[in-house]
């Protein structure tokens, strides 16, 4: 009788432990899916944030009648939201984006097309393939303007996410962190940009310099 009771207790203990392990495994999968933005579905349904009235007039003129375009205005300080994702003449995402560390601190005033300059570059780009690298989910860019940004691909200028573009970082430091020239947004925004705009979307970047 004693052996029977011990056997039953052992069975109950093992079943309980197995259930807890499965529950923990499920919990970690939920956490992983939440924090790894590459799990976002291929074409996220982004709500309309606002109309185009808030955009500078020169940028509004460059928005196509249909389709998608990404606009970046480096004439604004890094504390401001200066990236817009436009789809069918509506703003679908508006967020902060970091500039290159040698372009300036709060204001981006210096731009380059050169290797190892660690500066942002201006002009018109098209988005390329997506991949998961050391910075997480990322998207390659092809510069389309000779002498202005045509070295972007070889320089490794990409879209990727980073923790130093958050509002919390901004409040602590008075500015965003800076990149080596890449377009860095918060991971949650980066995932939406990449899943919405990979392979052929136009990216228009302006700053305090003729392009």
N, C-alpha and C. Protein backbone atom coordinates (compact mmCIF):
# COMPACT_ATOMS: atom_id res chain seq x y z
N UNK A 1 0.83 -1.21 0.00
CA UNK A 1 0.00 0.00 0.00
C UNK A 1 0.85 1.26 0.00
N UNK A 2 1.92 1.20 0.86
CA UNK A 2 2.82 2.35 0.93
C UNK A 2 3.49 2.62 -0.41
N UNK A 3 3.92 1.54 -1.09
CA UNK A 3 4.56 1.69 -2.40
C UNK A 3 3.60 2.25 -3.45
N UNK A 4 2.34 1.86 -3.34
CA UNK A 4 1.32 2.36 -4.27
C UNK A 4 1.14 3.86 -4.11
N UNK A 5 1.06 4.30 -2.83
CA UNK A 5 0.88 5.74 -2.55
C UNK A 5 2.09 6.53 -3.05
N UNK A 6 3.29 5.98 -2.78
CA UNK A 6 4.50 6.66 -3.26
C UNK A 6 4.54 6.74 -4.78
N UNK A 7 4.09 5.66 -5.42
CA UNK A 7 4.05 5.64 -6.88
C UNK A 7 3.10 6.69 -7.44
N UNK A 8 1.92 6.80 -6.81
CA UNK A 8 0.93 7.79 -7.25
C UNK A 8 1.45 9.21 -7.06
N UNK A 9 2.10 9.45 -5.89
CA UNK A 9 2.65 10.79 -5.62
C UNK A 9 3.74 11.15 -6.63
N UNK A 10 4.57 10.16 -6.97
CA UNK A 10 5.62 10.39 -7.97
C UNK A 10 5.03 10.73 -9.32
N UNK A 11 3.96 10.00 -9.69
CA UNK A 11 3.30 10.24 -10.97
C UNK A 11 2.70 11.64 -11.02
N UNK A 12 2.03 12.05 -9.92
CA UNK A 12 1.43 13.39 -9.86
C UNK A 12 2.52 14.46 -9.94
N UNK A 13 3.64 14.25 -9.23
CA UNK A 13 4.73 15.22 -9.24
C UNK A 13 5.32 15.38 -10.63
N UNK A 14 5.55 14.25 -11.31
CA UNK A 14 6.13 14.29 -12.66
C UNK A 14 5.20 14.98 -13.65
N UNK A 15 3.89 14.68 -13.54
CA UNK A 15 2.90 15.30 -14.43
C UNK A 15 2.85 16.80 -14.21
N UNK A 16 2.91 17.21 -12.93
CA UNK A 16 2.89 18.63 -12.59
C UNK A 16 4.11 19.35 -13.13
N UNK A 17 5.28 18.71 -12.97
CA UNK A 17 6.53 19.31 -13.45
C UNK A 17 6.51 19.46 -14.97
N UNK A 18 6.00 18.42 -15.65
CA UNK A 18 5.94 18.47 -17.12
C UNK A 18 5.01 19.59 -17.59
N UNK A 19 3.87 19.76 -16.90
CA UNK A 19 2.93 20.82 -17.26
C UNK A 19 3.56 22.19 -17.07
N UNK A 20 4.30 22.35 -15.95
CA UNK A 20 4.94 23.64 -15.69
C UNK A 20 5.99 23.96 -16.74
N UNK A 21 6.76 22.94 -17.16
CA UNK A 21 7.77 23.16 -18.19
C UNK A 21 7.14 23.58 -19.51
N UNK A 22 6.01 22.95 -19.85
CA UNK A 22 5.32 23.32 -21.08
C UNK A 22 4.79 24.75 -20.99
N UNK A 23 4.26 25.10 -19.81
CA UNK A 23 3.73 26.45 -19.61
C UNK A 23 4.84 27.49 -19.73
N UNK A 24 6.00 27.19 -19.12
CA UNK A 24 7.14 28.11 -19.21
C UNK A 24 7.61 28.24 -20.64
N UNK A 25 7.66 27.09 -21.35
CA UNK A 25 8.09 27.11 -22.75
C UNK A 25 7.16 27.97 -23.59
N UNK A 26 5.84 27.83 -23.36
CA UNK A 26 4.87 28.65 -24.09
C UNK A 26 5.06 30.12 -23.76
N UNK A 27 5.30 30.42 -22.48
CA UNK A 27 5.48 31.81 -22.06
C UNK A 27 6.69 32.44 -22.74
N UNK A 28 7.80 31.68 -22.80
CA UNK A 28 9.00 32.22 -23.44
C UNK A 28 8.79 32.41 -24.94
N UNK A 29 7.99 31.53 -25.55
CA UNK A 29 7.72 31.72 -26.97
C UNK A 29 6.92 32.99 -27.20
N UNK A 30 5.97 33.29 -26.32
CA UNK A 30 5.20 34.53 -26.42
C UNK A 30 6.11 35.73 -26.25
N UNK A 31 7.00 35.66 -25.25
CA UNK A 31 7.95 36.76 -25.02
C UNK A 31 8.86 36.95 -26.22
N UNK A 32 9.37 35.84 -26.75
CA UNK A 32 10.27 35.90 -27.89
C UNK A 32 9.60 36.54 -29.09
N UNK A 33 8.36 36.16 -29.34
CA UNK A 33 7.63 36.72 -30.47
C UNK A 33 7.37 38.20 -30.28
N UNK A 34 7.21 38.63 -29.01
CA UNK A 34 6.95 40.04 -28.74
C UNK A 34 8.19 40.89 -28.95
N UNK A 35 9.35 40.37 -28.52
CA UNK A 35 10.55 41.17 -28.56
C UNK A 35 11.38 40.99 -29.83
N UNK A 36 11.10 39.96 -30.61
CA UNK A 36 11.82 39.78 -31.87
C UNK A 36 10.91 40.22 -33.00
N UNK A 37 11.13 41.42 -33.52
CA UNK A 37 10.18 42.00 -34.49
C UNK A 37 10.12 41.27 -35.81
N UNK A 38 11.10 40.39 -36.10
CA UNK A 38 11.02 39.68 -37.37
C UNK A 38 9.84 38.73 -37.43
N UNK A 39 9.16 38.50 -36.28
CA UNK A 39 7.98 37.64 -36.28
C UNK A 39 6.73 38.37 -36.75
N UNK A 40 6.81 39.69 -36.92
CA UNK A 40 5.66 40.44 -37.44
C UNK A 40 5.33 39.94 -38.84
N UNK A 41 4.07 39.82 -39.13
CA UNK A 41 3.66 39.28 -40.44
C UNK A 41 4.20 40.16 -41.57
N UNK A 42 4.24 39.59 -42.75
CA UNK A 42 4.93 40.22 -43.87
C UNK A 42 4.42 41.62 -44.21
N UNK A 43 3.11 41.84 -44.17
CA UNK A 43 2.57 43.16 -44.53
C UNK A 43 1.68 43.65 -43.41
N UNK A 44 2.26 44.30 -42.39
CA UNK A 44 1.45 44.77 -41.27
C UNK A 44 0.41 45.79 -41.74
N UNK A 45 -0.76 45.74 -41.17
CA UNK A 45 -1.82 46.68 -41.51
C UNK A 45 -1.65 47.94 -40.66
N UNK A 46 -0.96 48.91 -41.21
CA UNK A 46 -0.66 50.12 -40.46
C UNK A 46 -1.83 51.10 -40.56
N UNK A 47 -2.32 51.59 -39.43
CA UNK A 47 -3.43 52.55 -39.47
C UNK A 47 -2.96 53.90 -39.99
N UNK A 48 -3.89 54.69 -40.44
CA UNK A 48 -3.56 56.06 -40.87
C UNK A 48 -3.26 56.90 -39.64
N UNK A 49 -2.08 57.50 -39.59
CA UNK A 49 -1.70 58.35 -38.46
C UNK A 49 -2.28 59.74 -38.64
N UNK A 50 -2.12 60.28 -39.84
CA UNK A 50 -2.65 61.62 -40.13
C UNK A 50 -2.56 61.86 -41.62
N UNK A 51 -3.05 63.02 -42.04
CA UNK A 51 -2.91 63.44 -43.42
C UNK A 51 -1.53 64.02 -43.66
N UNK A 52 -1.36 64.68 -44.78
CA UNK A 52 -0.05 65.17 -45.17
C UNK A 52 0.21 66.62 -44.78
N UNK A 53 -0.73 67.24 -44.06
CA UNK A 53 -0.62 68.66 -43.78
C UNK A 53 0.62 69.02 -42.97
N UNK A 54 1.05 68.10 -42.08
CA UNK A 54 2.18 68.40 -41.19
C UNK A 54 3.53 68.33 -41.90
N UNK A 55 3.57 67.74 -43.09
CA UNK A 55 4.83 67.60 -43.80
C UNK A 55 5.28 68.92 -44.41
N UNK A 56 6.60 69.17 -44.48
CA UNK A 56 7.11 70.33 -45.20
C UNK A 56 6.65 70.28 -46.66
N UNK A 57 6.41 71.44 -47.23
CA UNK A 57 5.85 71.51 -48.59
C UNK A 57 6.74 70.82 -49.61
N UNK A 58 8.07 70.96 -49.48
CA UNK A 58 8.95 70.35 -50.48
C UNK A 58 8.90 68.83 -50.43
N UNK A 59 8.63 68.27 -49.27
CA UNK A 59 8.49 66.81 -49.17
C UNK A 59 7.13 66.34 -49.68
N UNK A 60 6.10 67.11 -49.41
CA UNK A 60 4.76 66.74 -49.92
C UNK A 60 4.76 66.60 -51.43
N UNK A 61 5.52 67.44 -52.10
CA UNK A 61 5.55 67.42 -53.55
C UNK A 61 6.20 66.16 -54.12
N UNK A 62 6.91 65.43 -53.28
CA UNK A 62 7.63 64.25 -53.77
C UNK A 62 6.91 62.94 -53.44
N UNK A 63 5.70 63.05 -52.94
CA UNK A 63 4.92 61.86 -52.59
C UNK A 63 4.14 61.38 -53.82
N UNK A 64 4.25 60.11 -54.19
CA UNK A 64 3.50 59.60 -55.35
C UNK A 64 2.01 59.54 -55.07
N UNK A 65 1.23 59.56 -56.14
CA UNK A 65 -0.23 59.50 -55.99
C UNK A 65 -0.67 58.18 -55.38
N UNK A 66 0.05 57.09 -55.70
CA UNK A 66 -0.26 55.78 -55.15
C UNK A 66 1.04 55.10 -54.74
N UNK A 67 0.91 54.15 -53.84
CA UNK A 67 2.07 53.39 -53.42
C UNK A 67 2.73 53.96 -52.18
N UNK A 68 3.95 53.47 -51.92
CA UNK A 68 4.64 53.78 -50.67
C UNK A 68 5.91 54.57 -50.92
N UNK A 69 6.26 55.38 -49.95
CA UNK A 69 7.53 56.10 -49.95
C UNK A 69 7.92 56.38 -48.50
N UNK A 70 9.21 56.37 -48.23
CA UNK A 70 9.73 56.74 -46.91
C UNK A 70 10.42 58.09 -47.04
N UNK A 71 10.07 59.02 -46.18
CA UNK A 71 10.67 60.35 -46.17
C UNK A 71 11.45 60.55 -44.88
N UNK A 72 12.66 61.10 -44.99
CA UNK A 72 13.48 61.42 -43.83
C UNK A 72 13.94 62.86 -43.96
N UNK A 73 13.71 63.66 -42.93
CA UNK A 73 14.07 65.08 -42.95
C UNK A 73 15.14 65.35 -41.88
N UNK A 74 16.40 65.31 -42.31
CA UNK A 74 17.50 65.57 -41.39
C UNK A 74 17.71 67.06 -41.11
N UNK A 75 16.80 67.90 -41.60
CA UNK A 75 16.83 69.31 -41.21
C UNK A 75 16.27 69.50 -39.81
N UNK A 76 15.59 68.48 -39.32
CA UNK A 76 15.05 68.51 -37.96
C UNK A 76 16.05 67.90 -36.99
N UNK A 77 16.02 68.29 -35.71
CA UNK A 77 16.92 67.69 -34.72
C UNK A 77 16.51 66.26 -34.42
N UNK A 78 17.44 65.48 -33.86
CA UNK A 78 17.15 64.07 -33.60
C UNK A 78 16.08 63.87 -32.54
N UNK A 79 15.79 64.91 -31.76
CA UNK A 79 14.74 64.81 -30.74
C UNK A 79 13.34 64.79 -31.35
N UNK A 80 13.23 65.20 -32.60
CA UNK A 80 11.94 65.26 -33.28
C UNK A 80 11.70 64.01 -34.12
N UNK A 81 10.44 63.69 -34.32
CA UNK A 81 10.09 62.60 -35.23
C UNK A 81 10.30 63.12 -36.66
N UNK A 82 11.19 62.49 -37.39
CA UNK A 82 11.58 63.03 -38.70
C UNK A 82 11.61 61.96 -39.79
N UNK A 83 10.96 60.84 -39.54
CA UNK A 83 10.76 59.82 -40.57
C UNK A 83 9.27 59.59 -40.73
N UNK A 84 8.84 59.56 -41.99
CA UNK A 84 7.45 59.30 -42.32
C UNK A 84 7.37 58.14 -43.30
N UNK A 85 6.49 57.20 -43.03
CA UNK A 85 6.17 56.16 -44.00
C UNK A 85 4.81 56.53 -44.59
N UNK A 86 4.78 56.77 -45.88
CA UNK A 86 3.56 57.20 -46.57
C UNK A 86 3.06 56.06 -47.44
N UNK A 87 1.77 55.80 -47.37
CA UNK A 87 1.15 54.82 -48.27
C UNK A 87 -0.15 55.40 -48.79
N UNK A 88 -0.25 55.46 -50.11
CA UNK A 88 -1.45 55.98 -50.76
C UNK A 88 -1.85 57.35 -50.19
N UNK A 89 -0.85 58.23 -50.10
CA UNK A 89 -1.08 59.63 -49.71
C UNK A 89 -1.50 59.80 -48.25
N UNK A 90 -1.25 58.77 -47.43
CA UNK A 90 -1.58 58.86 -46.01
C UNK A 90 -0.35 58.49 -45.18
N UNK A 91 -0.15 59.19 -44.07
CA UNK A 91 0.96 58.87 -43.18
C UNK A 91 0.60 57.64 -42.35
N UNK A 92 1.38 56.58 -42.51
CA UNK A 92 1.12 55.33 -41.79
C UNK A 92 2.04 55.15 -40.58
N UNK A 93 3.17 55.83 -40.59
CA UNK A 93 4.11 55.74 -39.48
C UNK A 93 4.91 57.03 -39.42
N UNK A 94 5.09 57.55 -38.22
CA UNK A 94 5.86 58.78 -38.01
C UNK A 94 6.70 58.56 -36.76
N UNK A 95 8.03 58.54 -36.92
CA UNK A 95 8.87 58.16 -35.78
C UNK A 95 10.23 58.86 -35.83
N UNK A 96 10.98 58.70 -34.76
CA UNK A 96 12.34 59.23 -34.70
C UNK A 96 13.29 58.30 -35.43
N UNK A 97 14.37 58.89 -35.95
CA UNK A 97 15.40 58.11 -36.63
C UNK A 97 16.76 58.73 -36.32
N UNK A 98 17.74 57.88 -36.06
CA UNK A 98 19.08 58.35 -35.73
C UNK A 98 19.86 58.70 -36.99
N UNK A 99 20.85 59.59 -36.82
CA UNK A 99 21.78 59.89 -37.92
C UNK A 99 23.18 59.42 -37.53
N UNK A 100 24.11 59.53 -38.48
CA UNK A 100 25.48 59.09 -38.26
C UNK A 100 26.20 59.91 -37.20
N UNK A 101 27.09 59.27 -36.45
CA UNK A 101 27.71 59.95 -35.32
C UNK A 101 28.63 61.09 -35.74
N UNK A 102 29.16 61.05 -36.96
CA UNK A 102 30.01 62.14 -37.44
C UNK A 102 29.23 63.18 -38.24
N UNK A 103 27.92 63.04 -38.27
CA UNK A 103 27.08 64.05 -38.92
C UNK A 103 26.72 65.18 -37.96
N UNK A 104 26.91 64.97 -36.68
CA UNK A 104 26.54 65.96 -35.68
C UNK A 104 25.95 65.27 -34.46
N UNK A 105 25.67 66.05 -33.42
CA UNK A 105 25.08 65.48 -32.22
C UNK A 105 23.56 65.53 -32.31
N UNK A 106 22.95 66.64 -31.94
CA UNK A 106 21.50 66.76 -32.03
C UNK A 106 21.07 67.06 -33.46
N UNK A 107 21.84 67.90 -34.15
CA UNK A 107 21.53 68.28 -35.53
C UNK A 107 22.50 67.57 -36.48
N UNK A 108 21.98 67.05 -37.57
CA UNK A 108 22.83 66.47 -38.61
C UNK A 108 23.21 67.58 -39.59
N UNK A 109 24.48 67.92 -39.62
CA UNK A 109 24.93 69.03 -40.47
C UNK A 109 26.00 68.61 -41.49
N UNK A 110 26.54 67.40 -41.34
CA UNK A 110 27.59 66.94 -42.24
C UNK A 110 27.18 65.59 -42.83
N UNK A 111 27.35 65.47 -44.13
CA UNK A 111 26.91 64.26 -44.82
C UNK A 111 28.02 63.77 -45.74
N UNK A 112 28.03 62.47 -46.00
CA UNK A 112 29.11 61.91 -46.81
C UNK A 112 28.66 60.67 -47.54
N UNK A 113 29.35 60.41 -48.65
CA UNK A 113 29.16 59.20 -49.43
C UNK A 113 30.36 58.28 -49.29
N UNK A 114 31.31 58.64 -48.41
CA UNK A 114 32.58 57.94 -48.33
C UNK A 114 32.56 56.80 -47.31
N UNK A 115 33.37 55.79 -47.59
CA UNK A 115 33.54 54.66 -46.67
C UNK A 115 34.13 55.15 -45.34
N UNK A 116 33.72 54.54 -44.26
CA UNK A 116 34.25 54.79 -42.93
C UNK A 116 34.11 56.25 -42.47
N UNK A 117 33.20 56.98 -43.08
CA UNK A 117 32.98 58.37 -42.65
C UNK A 117 32.07 58.43 -41.42
N UNK A 118 31.28 57.39 -41.21
CA UNK A 118 30.31 57.34 -40.11
C UNK A 118 29.37 58.54 -40.15
N UNK A 119 29.06 58.99 -41.37
CA UNK A 119 28.12 60.08 -41.57
C UNK A 119 26.91 59.57 -42.34
N UNK A 120 25.80 60.23 -42.13
CA UNK A 120 24.61 59.93 -42.92
C UNK A 120 24.81 60.45 -44.34
N UNK A 121 24.03 59.94 -45.26
CA UNK A 121 24.05 60.47 -46.62
C UNK A 121 22.63 60.81 -47.06
N UNK A 122 22.56 61.73 -47.99
CA UNK A 122 21.29 62.26 -48.46
C UNK A 122 20.92 61.66 -49.82
N UNK A 123 19.79 62.10 -50.35
CA UNK A 123 19.40 61.71 -51.70
C UNK A 123 18.30 60.68 -51.73
N UNK A 124 18.16 60.06 -52.89
CA UNK A 124 17.11 59.07 -53.13
C UNK A 124 17.72 57.66 -53.13
N UNK A 125 17.10 56.79 -52.39
CA UNK A 125 17.51 55.39 -52.29
C UNK A 125 16.34 54.50 -52.71
N UNK A 126 16.63 53.24 -52.95
CA UNK A 126 15.58 52.22 -53.04
C UNK A 126 15.92 51.12 -52.03
N UNK A 127 14.89 50.56 -51.44
CA UNK A 127 15.10 49.50 -50.45
C UNK A 127 15.46 48.20 -51.14
N UNK A 128 16.25 47.37 -50.44
CA UNK A 128 16.68 46.09 -50.98
C UNK A 128 16.20 44.93 -50.13
N UNK A 129 17.03 43.91 -50.05
CA UNK A 129 16.62 42.69 -49.35
C UNK A 129 16.68 42.88 -47.84
N UNK A 130 15.92 42.05 -47.15
CA UNK A 130 15.92 42.06 -45.69
C UNK A 130 16.72 40.87 -45.19
N UNK A 131 17.23 40.99 -43.99
CA UNK A 131 18.01 39.91 -43.40
C UNK A 131 18.03 40.11 -41.89
N UNK A 132 18.48 39.11 -41.16
CA UNK A 132 18.67 39.22 -39.73
C UNK A 132 20.16 39.11 -39.45
N UNK A 133 20.76 40.19 -38.95
CA UNK A 133 22.19 40.23 -38.68
C UNK A 133 22.46 40.51 -37.22
N UNK A 134 23.64 41.04 -36.94
CA UNK A 134 24.04 41.29 -35.56
C UNK A 134 23.19 42.39 -34.91
N UNK A 135 22.55 43.23 -35.73
CA UNK A 135 21.67 44.27 -35.21
C UNK A 135 20.21 43.84 -35.22
N UNK A 136 19.96 42.58 -35.54
CA UNK A 136 18.58 42.11 -35.64
C UNK A 136 18.04 42.26 -37.05
N UNK A 137 16.76 42.44 -37.16
CA UNK A 137 16.12 42.59 -38.47
C UNK A 137 16.63 43.85 -39.16
N UNK A 138 17.06 43.72 -40.41
CA UNK A 138 17.65 44.85 -41.13
C UNK A 138 17.25 44.81 -42.60
N UNK A 139 17.44 45.94 -43.27
CA UNK A 139 17.08 46.04 -44.69
C UNK A 139 18.14 46.86 -45.42
N UNK A 140 18.66 46.31 -46.50
CA UNK A 140 19.70 46.97 -47.27
C UNK A 140 19.12 48.12 -48.10
N UNK A 141 20.00 49.06 -48.46
CA UNK A 141 19.60 50.21 -49.25
C UNK A 141 20.54 50.38 -50.44
N UNK A 142 19.97 50.83 -51.55
CA UNK A 142 20.75 51.13 -52.76
C UNK A 142 20.62 52.62 -53.06
N UNK A 143 21.74 53.33 -53.01
CA UNK A 143 21.73 54.74 -53.37
C UNK A 143 21.63 54.90 -54.88
N UNK A 144 20.83 55.84 -55.33
CA UNK A 144 20.58 55.99 -56.77
C UNK A 144 21.25 57.21 -57.38
N UNK A 145 21.96 58.00 -56.56
CA UNK A 145 22.54 59.25 -57.06
C UNK A 145 24.07 59.18 -57.01
N UNK A 146 24.68 59.22 -58.18
CA UNK A 146 26.13 59.10 -58.29
C UNK A 146 26.83 60.24 -57.56
N UNK A 147 27.78 59.88 -56.73
CA UNK A 147 28.55 60.88 -56.00
C UNK A 147 27.85 61.41 -54.77
N UNK A 148 26.59 61.05 -54.59
CA UNK A 148 25.82 61.54 -53.43
C UNK A 148 25.57 60.41 -52.44
N UNK A 149 25.09 59.28 -52.96
CA UNK A 149 24.79 58.16 -52.05
C UNK A 149 24.99 56.79 -52.69
N UNK A 150 25.68 56.76 -53.85
CA UNK A 150 25.81 55.49 -54.57
C UNK A 150 26.76 54.51 -53.89
N UNK A 151 27.44 54.92 -52.83
CA UNK A 151 28.26 54.00 -52.06
C UNK A 151 27.51 53.41 -50.86
N UNK A 152 26.25 53.75 -50.73
CA UNK A 152 25.49 53.34 -49.54
C UNK A 152 25.50 51.83 -49.34
N UNK A 153 25.30 51.07 -50.42
CA UNK A 153 25.25 49.62 -50.28
C UNK A 153 26.60 49.07 -49.81
N UNK A 154 27.68 49.53 -50.44
CA UNK A 154 29.01 49.06 -50.05
C UNK A 154 29.41 49.53 -48.66
N UNK A 155 28.89 50.66 -48.22
CA UNK A 155 29.16 51.16 -46.87
C UNK A 155 28.37 50.39 -45.81
N UNK A 156 27.41 49.60 -46.24
CA UNK A 156 26.58 48.87 -45.27
C UNK A 156 25.52 49.75 -44.63
N UNK A 157 25.08 50.78 -45.36
CA UNK A 157 24.02 51.66 -44.84
C UNK A 157 22.69 50.92 -44.97
N UNK A 158 22.06 50.66 -43.84
CA UNK A 158 20.82 49.87 -43.82
C UNK A 158 19.83 50.49 -42.85
N UNK A 159 18.63 49.97 -42.87
CA UNK A 159 17.65 50.21 -41.80
C UNK A 159 17.84 49.11 -40.77
N UNK A 160 17.92 49.48 -39.49
CA UNK A 160 17.89 48.48 -38.43
C UNK A 160 17.37 49.13 -37.15
N UNK A 161 17.07 48.32 -36.17
CA UNK A 161 16.54 48.84 -34.92
C UNK A 161 17.63 49.04 -33.89
N UNK A 162 17.34 49.85 -32.87
CA UNK A 162 18.29 50.07 -31.80
C UNK A 162 17.62 50.67 -30.58
N UNK A 163 18.11 50.35 -29.38
CA UNK A 163 17.50 50.88 -28.15
C UNK A 163 17.78 52.36 -27.91
N UNK A 164 18.75 52.91 -28.61
CA UNK A 164 19.14 54.31 -28.37
C UNK A 164 18.32 55.31 -29.17
N UNK A 165 17.20 54.85 -29.70
CA UNK A 165 16.30 55.75 -30.42
C UNK A 165 14.97 55.90 -29.68
N UNK A 166 14.92 55.38 -28.47
CA UNK A 166 13.68 55.40 -27.69
C UNK A 166 13.46 56.74 -27.02
N UNK A 167 12.24 56.99 -26.61
CA UNK A 167 11.92 58.20 -25.87
C UNK A 167 12.64 58.22 -24.53
N UNK A 168 12.78 57.05 -23.90
CA UNK A 168 13.47 56.96 -22.62
C UNK A 168 14.93 57.39 -22.75
N UNK A 169 15.60 56.95 -23.83
CA UNK A 169 16.99 57.34 -24.06
C UNK A 169 17.07 58.85 -24.29
N UNK A 170 16.12 59.36 -25.06
CA UNK A 170 16.09 60.80 -25.34
C UNK A 170 15.93 61.62 -24.06
N UNK A 171 15.05 61.19 -23.18
CA UNK A 171 14.82 61.92 -21.93
C UNK A 171 16.04 61.86 -21.02
N UNK A 172 16.76 60.76 -21.05
CA UNK A 172 17.95 60.63 -20.21
C UNK A 172 19.13 61.44 -20.74
N UNK A 173 19.25 61.52 -22.07
CA UNK A 173 20.46 62.07 -22.67
C UNK A 173 20.27 63.38 -23.42
N UNK A 174 19.04 63.79 -23.63
CA UNK A 174 18.79 65.03 -24.34
C UNK A 174 18.90 64.92 -25.84
N UNK A 175 19.25 63.78 -26.34
CA UNK A 175 19.33 63.51 -27.78
C UNK A 175 19.27 62.00 -27.98
N UNK A 176 19.09 61.59 -29.23
CA UNK A 176 19.14 60.18 -29.55
C UNK A 176 20.59 59.72 -29.62
N UNK A 177 20.78 58.41 -29.54
CA UNK A 177 22.08 57.86 -29.88
C UNK A 177 22.31 58.01 -31.37
N UNK A 178 23.52 57.74 -31.80
CA UNK A 178 23.86 57.91 -33.21
C UNK A 178 24.42 56.62 -33.79
N UNK A 179 24.35 56.51 -35.10
CA UNK A 179 24.74 55.29 -35.79
C UNK A 179 26.06 55.50 -36.53
N UNK A 180 26.44 54.52 -37.33
CA UNK A 180 27.60 54.66 -38.22
C UNK A 180 27.17 55.15 -39.60
N UNK A 181 25.97 55.68 -39.67
CA UNK A 181 25.42 56.16 -40.94
C UNK A 181 24.11 55.48 -41.30
N UNK A 182 23.75 54.44 -40.54
CA UNK A 182 22.51 53.72 -40.81
C UNK A 182 21.29 54.48 -40.32
N UNK A 183 20.14 54.11 -40.86
CA UNK A 183 18.85 54.68 -40.44
C UNK A 183 18.31 53.79 -39.32
N UNK A 184 18.46 54.23 -38.09
CA UNK A 184 18.12 53.42 -36.94
C UNK A 184 16.85 53.96 -36.28
N UNK A 185 15.87 53.10 -36.11
CA UNK A 185 14.63 53.45 -35.41
C UNK A 185 14.42 52.45 -34.28
N UNK A 186 13.40 52.70 -33.46
CA UNK A 186 13.07 51.73 -32.43
C UNK A 186 12.73 50.39 -33.09
N UNK A 187 13.09 49.27 -32.46
CA UNK A 187 12.83 47.95 -33.08
C UNK A 187 11.40 47.74 -33.54
N UNK A 188 10.42 48.23 -32.76
CA UNK A 188 9.02 48.02 -33.15
C UNK A 188 8.68 48.79 -34.42
N UNK A 189 9.27 49.98 -34.58
CA UNK A 189 9.06 50.75 -35.81
C UNK A 189 9.86 50.17 -36.96
N UNK A 190 11.08 49.77 -36.67
CA UNK A 190 11.95 49.19 -37.69
C UNK A 190 11.28 47.99 -38.35
N UNK A 191 10.67 47.13 -37.55
CA UNK A 191 10.00 45.94 -38.09
C UNK A 191 8.86 46.32 -39.02
N UNK A 192 8.09 47.32 -38.63
CA UNK A 192 6.96 47.75 -39.48
C UNK A 192 7.45 48.35 -40.79
N UNK A 193 8.51 49.16 -40.70
CA UNK A 193 9.08 49.77 -41.91
C UNK A 193 9.56 48.68 -42.87
N UNK A 194 10.31 47.73 -42.34
CA UNK A 194 10.91 46.71 -43.20
C UNK A 194 9.85 45.78 -43.78
N UNK A 195 8.90 45.35 -42.96
CA UNK A 195 7.87 44.45 -43.47
C UNK A 195 6.95 45.13 -44.48
N UNK A 196 6.88 46.46 -44.42
CA UNK A 196 6.00 47.18 -45.34
C UNK A 196 6.73 47.62 -46.61
N UNK A 197 8.05 47.80 -46.54
CA UNK A 197 8.74 48.55 -47.60
C UNK A 197 9.96 47.87 -48.19
N UNK A 198 10.11 46.58 -48.05
CA UNK A 198 11.30 45.93 -48.62
C UNK A 198 11.18 45.83 -50.13
N UNK A 199 12.33 45.73 -50.80
CA UNK A 199 12.42 45.47 -52.23
C UNK A 199 11.75 46.53 -53.11
N UNK A 200 12.41 47.66 -53.26
CA UNK A 200 12.01 48.60 -54.29
C UNK A 200 11.25 49.84 -53.85
N UNK A 201 11.01 50.00 -52.56
CA UNK A 201 10.35 51.22 -52.09
C UNK A 201 11.35 52.38 -52.13
N UNK A 202 10.89 53.54 -52.57
CA UNK A 202 11.75 54.71 -52.63
C UNK A 202 11.91 55.33 -51.25
N UNK A 203 13.14 55.74 -50.93
CA UNK A 203 13.44 56.45 -49.69
C UNK A 203 14.05 57.79 -50.07
N UNK A 204 13.45 58.88 -49.61
CA UNK A 204 13.92 60.23 -49.95
C UNK A 204 14.43 60.87 -48.67
N UNK A 205 15.70 61.29 -48.68
CA UNK A 205 16.34 61.85 -47.50
C UNK A 205 16.83 63.26 -47.82
N UNK A 206 16.39 64.23 -47.02
CA UNK A 206 16.83 65.61 -47.23
C UNK A 206 17.53 66.12 -45.98
N UNK A 207 18.36 67.15 -46.16
CA UNK A 207 19.08 67.75 -45.05
C UNK A 207 19.52 69.14 -45.44
N UNK A 208 20.30 69.79 -44.58
CA UNK A 208 20.77 71.14 -44.83
C UNK A 208 21.96 71.12 -45.79
N UNK A 209 21.69 70.59 -46.98
CA UNK A 209 22.72 70.50 -47.99
C UNK A 209 22.02 70.18 -49.31
N UNK A 210 22.50 70.77 -50.39
CA UNK A 210 21.86 70.51 -51.68
C UNK A 210 22.00 69.06 -52.08
N UNK A 211 20.91 68.45 -52.54
CA UNK A 211 20.99 67.08 -53.05
C UNK A 211 20.56 67.07 -54.52
